[in-house]
Protein backbone atom coordinates (compact mmCIF):
# COMPACT_ATOMS: atom_id res chain seq x y z
CA MET A 1 -0.29 -0.02 -0.07
CA THR A 2 1.21 3.72 -0.77
CA GLN A 3 2.62 5.47 2.11
CA MET A 4 0.66 8.58 3.01
CA ILE A 5 2.07 11.47 4.68
CA GLU A 6 0.44 12.58 7.50
CA THR A 7 -0.95 15.85 9.09
CA LYS A 8 -2.18 17.03 12.04
CA SER A 9 -5.74 16.99 11.05
CA ALA A 10 -5.74 15.00 7.60
CA THR A 11 -4.20 12.62 5.53
CA VAL A 12 -2.51 14.16 2.25
CA LEU A 13 -2.84 11.86 -0.85
CA ASP A 14 0.23 11.28 -2.36
CA GLY A 15 -0.75 11.34 -6.06
CA ILE A 16 3.03 11.56 -7.64
CA ALA A 17 3.81 7.88 -4.88
CA ILE A 18 1.05 6.40 -6.33
CA ALA A 19 1.19 7.51 -9.70
CA ALA A 20 5.17 6.39 -9.90
CA GLU A 21 3.52 3.20 -8.66
CA ILE A 22 1.47 2.84 -11.19
CA LYS A 23 4.16 3.48 -14.08
CA ALA A 24 6.58 0.86 -12.47
CA GLU A 25 3.70 -1.54 -12.71
CA VAL A 26 3.09 -0.95 -16.01
CA ALA A 27 7.05 -0.99 -17.34
CA ALA A 28 7.10 -4.49 -16.06
CA GLU A 29 4.03 -5.19 -18.58
CA VAL A 30 5.70 -3.96 -21.29
CA ALA A 31 8.98 -5.82 -20.52
CA LYS A 32 6.78 -8.82 -20.26
CA LEU A 33 5.45 -7.87 -23.33
CA LYS A 34 8.61 -7.29 -25.06
CA GLN A 35 9.54 -11.17 -24.15
CA GLN A 36 6.83 -12.27 -26.29
CA GLY A 37 7.81 -9.82 -29.34
CA ILE A 38 4.86 -7.19 -28.19
CA VAL A 39 5.72 -3.51 -28.31
CA PRO A 40 2.70 -1.13 -27.17
CA GLY A 41 2.28 1.70 -28.95
CA LEU A 42 0.20 4.74 -28.92
CA ALA A 43 -0.47 7.28 -30.90
CA VAL A 44 -1.23 10.84 -29.73
CA ILE A 45 -2.63 13.77 -32.17
CA LEU A 46 -2.84 16.84 -31.41
CA VAL A 47 -3.99 19.81 -33.48
CA GLY A 48 -2.39 23.14 -34.38
CA ASP A 49 -0.08 24.87 -31.65
CA VAL A 50 -2.62 25.16 -28.31
CA ALA A 51 0.72 25.74 -25.83
CA ALA A 52 -0.89 23.97 -22.88
CA SER A 53 -2.13 20.98 -25.28
CA GLN A 54 1.80 20.70 -26.34
CA ILE A 55 3.32 20.09 -23.22
CA TYR A 56 0.45 17.74 -22.25
CA VAL A 57 1.38 15.65 -25.30
CA ARG A 58 5.10 15.91 -24.93
CA SER A 59 5.07 14.64 -21.22
CA LYS A 60 2.59 11.60 -22.46
CA VAL A 61 5.63 10.93 -25.08
CA LYS A 62 8.06 11.32 -22.35
CA THR A 63 6.38 9.00 -20.39
CA CYS A 64 5.89 6.71 -22.95
CA ALA A 65 10.08 6.30 -23.74
CA GLU A 66 10.29 5.85 -19.99
CA LEU A 67 8.24 2.68 -19.92
CA GLY A 68 9.42 1.61 -22.86
CA ILE A 69 5.99 1.84 -25.23
CA TYR A 70 6.48 3.31 -28.55
CA SER A 71 4.70 6.24 -29.69
CA GLU A 72 4.37 8.73 -32.53
CA MET A 73 2.91 12.19 -31.99
CA LEU A 74 1.30 13.58 -34.92
CA THR A 75 0.61 17.06 -35.44
CA PRO A 76 -1.89 18.11 -38.55
CA PRO A 77 -1.94 21.66 -38.60
CA ALA A 78 -5.14 23.54 -37.20
CA SER A 79 -6.61 24.52 -40.64
CA ILE A 80 -7.23 20.79 -40.84
CA THR A 81 -10.77 19.47 -41.73
CA THR A 82 -13.18 17.16 -39.94
CA GLU A 83 -12.76 14.51 -43.29
CA GLU A 84 -8.87 15.16 -43.36
CA MET A 85 -9.00 14.18 -39.32
CA LEU A 86 -11.36 11.31 -40.17
CA THR A 87 -8.91 9.44 -42.49
CA LEU A 88 -5.91 10.14 -40.31
CA VAL A 89 -7.95 8.22 -37.24
CA ALA A 90 -8.71 5.43 -40.17
CA ASP A 91 -4.98 5.04 -40.84
CA LEU A 92 -4.51 4.42 -37.13
CA ASN A 93 -7.23 2.51 -36.44
CA ALA A 94 -6.27 -0.36 -39.19
CA ARG A 95 -2.68 -0.10 -38.30
CA ASP A 96 -1.74 -3.02 -35.63
CA GLU A 97 1.22 -1.29 -34.15
CA ILE A 98 -0.88 1.16 -32.58
CA ASP A 99 -2.53 -0.18 -29.70
CA GLY A 100 -3.86 3.05 -28.52
CA ILE A 101 -4.98 6.55 -29.90
CA LEU A 102 -5.55 9.74 -28.15
CA ILE A 103 -6.69 12.94 -29.44
CA GLN A 104 -5.73 15.56 -27.49
CA LEU A 105 -8.46 18.29 -26.46
CA PRO A 106 -9.26 21.14 -27.27
CA LEU A 107 -9.75 21.21 -31.06
CA PRO A 108 -10.46 23.40 -33.79
CA ALA A 109 -13.74 25.01 -33.32
CA HIS A 110 -14.28 23.85 -37.02
CA VAL A 111 -13.65 19.91 -36.25
CA ASP A 112 -16.72 17.86 -35.46
CA THR A 113 -14.78 16.78 -32.00
CA LYS A 114 -17.72 14.00 -31.59
CA ARG A 115 -17.46 12.53 -34.78
CA LEU A 116 -13.56 12.22 -34.00
CA LEU A 117 -13.70 10.27 -30.98
CA GLU A 118 -16.28 7.96 -32.05
CA ALA A 119 -14.49 7.34 -35.38
CA VAL A 120 -11.69 6.46 -32.75
CA SER A 121 -11.89 2.04 -32.37
CA PRO A 122 -12.92 1.24 -28.86
CA GLN A 123 -10.39 -1.34 -28.64
CA LYS A 124 -7.45 1.67 -29.11
CA ASP A 125 -9.74 4.34 -27.27
CA VAL A 126 -7.31 4.30 -24.68
CA ASP A 127 -9.07 8.06 -23.36
CA GLY A 128 -12.56 5.75 -22.96
CA PHE A 129 -14.41 8.16 -25.09
CA HIS A 130 -16.28 6.01 -26.96
CA PRO A 131 -19.81 5.20 -26.85
CA ILE A 132 -19.20 1.61 -26.27
CA ASN A 133 -16.37 1.90 -23.74
CA ALA A 134 -18.86 3.88 -21.67
CA GLY A 135 -21.50 1.93 -22.41
CA ARG A 136 -19.69 -1.23 -20.99
CA LEU A 137 -18.25 1.28 -17.96
CA GLN A 138 -22.08 1.41 -17.50
CA SER A 139 -22.76 -2.04 -17.39
CA GLY A 140 -20.17 -2.99 -15.67
CA GLN A 141 -18.27 -5.02 -17.82
CA PRO A 142 -14.35 -4.48 -18.64
CA ALA A 143 -13.67 -1.43 -20.43
CA LEU A 144 -11.45 1.22 -20.94
CA ALA A 145 -12.45 3.78 -19.16
CA PRO A 146 -11.37 7.59 -18.93
CA CYS A 147 -7.84 8.08 -17.33
CA THR A 148 -9.07 10.84 -14.70
CA PRO A 149 -11.74 9.03 -13.32
CA ALA A 150 -9.53 5.37 -13.17
CA GLY A 151 -7.07 7.72 -11.02
CA ILE A 152 -9.35 8.82 -8.65
CA ILE A 153 -10.04 5.32 -7.91
CA GLU A 154 -6.60 4.19 -7.75
CA ILE A 155 -5.81 6.78 -5.39
CA LEU A 156 -8.61 5.45 -2.79
CA LYS A 157 -8.07 1.85 -3.43
CA ARG A 158 -4.13 2.07 -2.42
CA SER A 159 -4.52 4.63 -0.33
CA GLY A 160 -6.59 1.89 1.72
CA ILE A 161 -10.02 3.89 1.94
CA ALA A 162 -13.05 1.69 1.73
CA ILE A 163 -15.24 2.50 -1.06
CA ALA A 164 -18.40 0.02 -0.83
CA GLY A 165 -21.08 0.90 1.54
CA LYS A 166 -19.82 4.99 1.81
CA ASN A 167 -21.33 7.82 0.77
CA ALA A 168 -19.94 9.20 -2.36
CA VAL A 169 -20.94 12.89 -3.92
CA VAL A 170 -19.64 13.66 -7.39
CA VAL A 171 -20.08 17.71 -8.03
CA GLY A 172 -19.73 17.81 -11.82
CA ARG A 173 -21.33 15.79 -14.61
CA SER A 174 -19.26 15.87 -17.04
CA ASP A 175 -18.68 13.24 -19.78
CA ILE A 176 -14.79 12.97 -19.26
CA VAL A 177 -14.52 13.06 -15.40
CA GLY A 178 -18.28 13.52 -13.59
CA LYS A 179 -20.28 11.27 -15.10
CA PRO A 180 -17.71 8.53 -15.39
CA ALA A 181 -15.98 8.66 -11.71
CA ALA A 182 -19.87 8.68 -10.44
CA MET A 183 -20.41 5.15 -12.26
CA MET A 184 -17.06 3.50 -11.21
CA LEU A 185 -17.99 4.67 -7.72
CA LEU A 186 -20.96 3.00 -8.20
CA ASN A 187 -19.61 -0.07 -9.77
CA ALA A 188 -17.31 -0.45 -6.74
CA SER A 189 -20.76 -0.36 -4.21
CA ALA A 190 -20.94 2.96 -3.24
CA THR A 191 -24.43 4.99 -2.65
CA VAL A 192 -23.63 7.87 -5.24
CA THR A 193 -25.04 11.35 -5.77
CA VAL A 194 -24.46 13.12 -8.61
CA CYS A 195 -24.67 17.31 -8.01
CA HIS A 196 -24.06 19.72 -10.55
CA SER A 197 -24.07 23.80 -11.02
CA ARG A 198 -28.09 23.70 -10.73
CA THR A 199 -28.37 21.57 -8.05
CA VAL A 200 -30.39 23.23 -5.29
CA ASP A 201 -29.04 24.02 -1.81
CA LEU A 202 -26.04 21.41 -3.20
CA PRO A 203 -24.24 21.92 0.50
CA LYS A 204 -27.41 19.70 1.47
CA PHE A 205 -25.75 16.49 -0.51
CA THR A 206 -21.71 17.70 0.15
CA ARG A 207 -22.06 17.65 3.91
CA GLU A 208 -23.28 13.81 3.62
CA ALA A 209 -20.88 12.52 2.02
CA ASP A 210 -17.59 9.88 2.93
CA ILE A 211 -16.46 10.73 -0.38
CA LEU A 212 -16.81 13.83 -2.07
CA VAL A 213 -15.30 14.19 -5.61
CA ALA A 214 -14.99 18.01 -6.75
CA ALA A 215 -15.09 18.20 -10.66
CA ILE A 216 -16.61 21.70 -11.34
CA GLY A 217 -14.27 23.81 -12.51
CA ARG A 218 -14.48 26.41 -10.29
CA PRO A 219 -11.89 27.32 -7.95
CA GLY A 220 -11.99 27.30 -4.39
CA PHE A 221 -15.86 26.35 -5.26
CA VAL A 222 -16.55 23.36 -2.40
CA THR A 223 -15.93 25.44 1.19
CA ALA A 224 -14.99 24.14 4.43
CA ASP A 225 -18.64 24.14 5.62
CA MET A 226 -20.08 22.41 2.73
CA VAL A 227 -17.62 19.28 3.83
CA LYS A 228 -18.82 16.56 6.65
CA PRO A 229 -15.74 16.55 8.92
CA GLY A 230 -13.74 13.12 8.01
CA ALA A 231 -15.00 12.83 4.86
CA THR A 232 -12.62 12.16 2.15
CA LEU A 233 -11.99 15.36 -0.19
CA ILE A 234 -10.84 14.09 -4.00
CA ASP A 235 -9.90 17.38 -5.64
CA VAL A 236 -10.35 17.02 -9.62
CA GLY A 237 -9.99 21.06 -10.24
CA ILE A 238 -6.75 22.55 -11.42
CA ASN A 239 -7.85 26.17 -12.24
CA ARG A 240 -4.91 28.83 -12.07
CA LEU A 241 -5.23 31.80 -10.07
CA THR A 242 -4.48 35.56 -11.26
CA ASP A 243 -6.18 37.66 -8.91
CA ALA A 244 -4.12 38.33 -5.96
CA ALA A 245 -6.85 39.28 -3.54
CA GLU A 246 -8.17 35.66 -4.41
CA VAL A 247 -5.10 34.01 -3.84
CA GLU A 248 -5.10 36.22 -0.53
CA ARG A 249 -8.99 34.63 0.22
CA LEU A 250 -8.11 31.22 -0.54
CA PHE A 251 -5.06 30.68 1.28
CA PRO A 252 -4.68 33.61 3.89
CA ALA A 253 -1.09 34.06 6.01
CA ASP A 254 0.13 31.18 3.71
CA ALA A 255 3.99 32.96 2.68
CA ARG A 256 4.95 30.14 0.30
CA ARG A 257 1.78 30.59 -1.99
CA ALA A 258 2.13 34.25 -1.49
CA GLU A 259 5.92 34.31 -2.21
CA GLY A 260 4.77 32.13 -5.24
CA PHE A 261 2.18 34.30 -6.80
CA ALA A 262 4.70 37.26 -6.44
CA LYS A 263 7.41 35.46 -8.55
CA ARG A 264 4.75 33.79 -11.18
CA GLY A 265 1.74 36.19 -11.17
CA SER A 266 -0.33 33.08 -10.95
CA THR A 267 -1.15 29.94 -8.92
CA VAL A 268 -3.06 26.95 -9.04
CA VAL A 269 -5.70 25.76 -6.80
CA GLY A 270 -8.68 23.12 -6.93
CA ASP A 271 -12.17 23.24 -6.90
CA ILE A 272 -12.03 22.99 -2.98
CA GLU A 273 -11.15 25.56 -0.87
CA PRO A 274 -7.33 24.62 1.50
CA ALA A 275 -9.56 25.59 4.40
CA ALA A 276 -11.72 22.35 4.24
CA PHE A 277 -9.24 19.96 3.58
CA ALA A 278 -8.49 20.87 7.47
CA ILE A 279 -11.62 19.20 9.00
CA SER A 280 -11.46 16.28 6.21
CA GLY A 281 -10.22 13.12 6.80
CA ALA A 282 -7.96 12.68 4.02
CA TYR A 283 -7.85 14.41 1.23
CA THR A 284 -5.67 15.01 -3.03
CA PRO A 285 -3.71 17.73 -2.96
CA VAL A 286 -3.70 20.51 -5.93
CA PRO A 287 -0.99 20.32 -7.36
CA GLY A 288 0.17 16.72 -6.68
CA GLY A 289 -3.62 14.89 -6.29
CA VAL A 290 -5.48 13.45 -9.01
CA GLY A 291 -3.61 15.04 -12.03
CA ALA A 292 -0.58 13.00 -11.48
CA LEU A 293 -2.44 9.98 -12.22
CA THR A 294 -4.01 10.91 -15.60
CA ILE A 295 -0.93 9.94 -17.53
CA ALA A 296 -0.34 6.85 -15.61
CA MET A 297 -3.63 5.70 -16.03
CA LEU A 298 -3.28 6.31 -19.82
CA MET A 299 -0.31 4.48 -20.15
CA GLN A 300 -1.88 1.45 -18.17
CA ASN A 301 -4.84 1.88 -20.39
CA THR A 302 -2.35 1.75 -23.54
CA ILE A 303 -1.10 -1.75 -21.72
CA THR A 304 -4.61 -3.03 -21.08
CA ALA A 305 -5.80 -2.11 -24.74
CA ALA A 306 -2.65 -4.00 -26.52
CA LYS A 307 -2.85 -6.78 -24.26
CA ALA A 308 -6.84 -7.55 -25.09
CA ARG A 309 -6.08 -6.95 -29.26
CA ARG A 310 -3.53 -9.37 -29.01
CA ALA A 311 -5.20 -12.04 -27.55
CA ALA A 312 -8.34 -11.45 -29.72
CA THR A 313 -6.29 -11.61 -32.99
CA THR A 314 -4.80 -15.00 -31.14
CA ALA A 315 -8.34 -16.14 -30.58
CA SER A 316 -9.14 -15.55 -34.26
CA GLU A 317 -5.87 -16.86 -35.90
CA SER A 318 -6.98 -19.82 -33.28
CA GLU A 319 -10.38 -20.41 -34.79
CA THR A 320 -9.44 -19.84 -38.47
CA GLU A 321 -6.60 -22.64 -38.33
CA ALA A 322 -8.98 -24.95 -36.86
């Protein structure tokens, strides 16, 4: 079990350490596959020149190299059409050495994101966005699950935090995080409530949560008075603050945070205000929490996809020979 960092009032769930564990396990799986002559492959499509997307993609490619996974980065221009993108995806679907396909979002406004995500073969959908994988997840079947929700479950399980029978509240209903996180918690036998920006009397629900997942994309949205004492807080938000007054409100008397803000002109905060962590039983920090797991789970999905595809190919060949 991953070692957890103890504080006076709560346990910090160290996403960086858990991600390192998962990456080590993936590297071992890759080594086993290579002994069988199989090199897992991931293709990442990065459209245009979005700086943040370039950073994310470089991190993914770098991690592939570290773990022994073959990777390709395809960089079509921002002017690419939906039809041209569909042709690119079809080519990757057909290539046997590519086990996973990831389309870095967001795409340019003129490109039909939904059509592209649905064009990716479900077997190679390492982001877990295809409707077939979403349906399998909903029905409790094995599926490639979205990376961030999968990381949330890994943090809870590897930190020894019970899920079965607990009240779990997910604040946020996105297809990428909120909905799949709720489904995975339900599949793990939690009693799940999904809330969102239009939920009436939101604190009534969040105060009942043994496990509270905040994935609404608003800095410090969940305040301390909305949290049940002793609850486990999973903060998915990554919000960059540039307002000095807002930084002071959320981080009063935090000299280290103030110094960093003065140097960079910004600081990162999650969807849960830091004051809430003091009354929690355990929480994920921002940064260093859930975000650290996303790339690790992408690597895990790539290995899962590679093994499943190779097993299906072997079974098909055996049937043909028979």
